[in-house]
Amino acid sequence: MERLKRILRRDDGAATAEYAIATMAAVGFAGLLVAIMRSDEVRGMLTDLVHRALTFAG
């Protein structure tokens, strides 16, 4: 019984699991950004912003 308790209390691999969760969250966030950036409305706003910035200087 004591051996089973010791085995269940071990936290080996906990850091690896935390890194995996953080990596999956980052991948999900990146996917969301890609989906947003592919929309025509966002692309038009960014193009307009860059165009205004370049024509303002000239």
Protein backbone atom coordinates (compact mmCIF):
# COMPACT_ATOMS: atom_id res chain seq x y z
CA MET A 1 0.00 0.00 0.00
CA GLU A 2 2.81 2.44 0.87
CA ARG A 3 4.51 1.66 -2.43
CA LEU A 4 1.32 2.49 -4.32
CA LYS A 5 0.99 5.80 -2.45
CA ARG A 6 4.58 6.71 -3.34
CA ILE A 7 3.99 5.89 -6.99
CA LEU A 8 0.81 7.95 -7.14
CA ARG A 9 2.48 10.95 -5.46
CA ARG A 10 5.33 11.12 -7.97
CA ASP A 11 5.17 14.07 -10.33
CA ASP A 12 7.66 12.87 -12.92
CA GLY A 13 6.64 14.19 -16.29
CA ALA A 14 4.52 17.03 -14.90
CA ALA A 15 6.74 19.68 -16.47
CA THR A 16 6.56 17.90 -19.82
CA ALA A 17 2.77 17.86 -19.65
CA GLU A 18 2.74 21.57 -18.81
CA TYR A 19 4.98 22.33 -21.80
CA ALA A 20 2.70 20.27 -24.03
CA ILE A 21 -0.37 22.17 -22.85
CA ALA A 22 1.34 25.54 -23.33
CA THR A 23 2.50 24.50 -26.81
CA MET A 24 -1.01 23.41 -27.79
CA ALA A 25 -2.43 26.71 -26.53
CA ALA A 26 0.15 28.63 -28.59
CA VAL A 27 -0.68 26.58 -31.69
CA GLY A 28 -4.38 27.26 -31.18
CA PHE A 29 -3.77 30.99 -30.80
CA ALA A 30 -1.58 31.03 -33.93
CA GLY A 31 -4.32 29.23 -35.86
CA LEU A 32 -6.84 31.81 -34.72
CA LEU A 33 -4.55 34.64 -35.87
CA VAL A 34 -4.07 32.98 -39.26
CA ALA A 35 -7.83 32.67 -39.68
CA ILE A 36 -8.32 36.33 -38.79
CA MET A 37 -5.53 37.52 -41.07
CA ARG A 38 -6.96 35.59 -44.03
CA SER A 39 -10.26 37.43 -43.93
CA ASP A 40 -10.74 39.99 -46.70
CA GLU A 41 -11.84 42.70 -44.29
CA VAL A 42 -8.70 42.48 -42.14
CA ARG A 43 -6.47 42.22 -45.19
CA GLY A 44 -8.08 45.36 -46.63
CA MET A 45 -7.63 47.27 -43.37
CA LEU A 46 -3.94 46.33 -43.17
CA THR A 47 -3.35 47.19 -46.82
CA ASP A 48 -5.03 50.55 -46.32
CA LEU A 49 -2.96 51.20 -43.20
CA VAL A 50 0.31 50.45 -45.00
CA HIS A 51 -0.77 52.50 -48.03
CA ARG A 52 -1.59 55.51 -45.83
CA ALA A 53 1.69 55.21 -43.96
CA LEU A 54 3.70 55.11 -47.18
CA THR A 55 1.83 57.95 -48.89
CA PHE A 56 1.92 60.15 -45.76
CA ALA A 57 5.73 60.29 -45.91
CA GLY A 58 5.77 61.25 -49.59
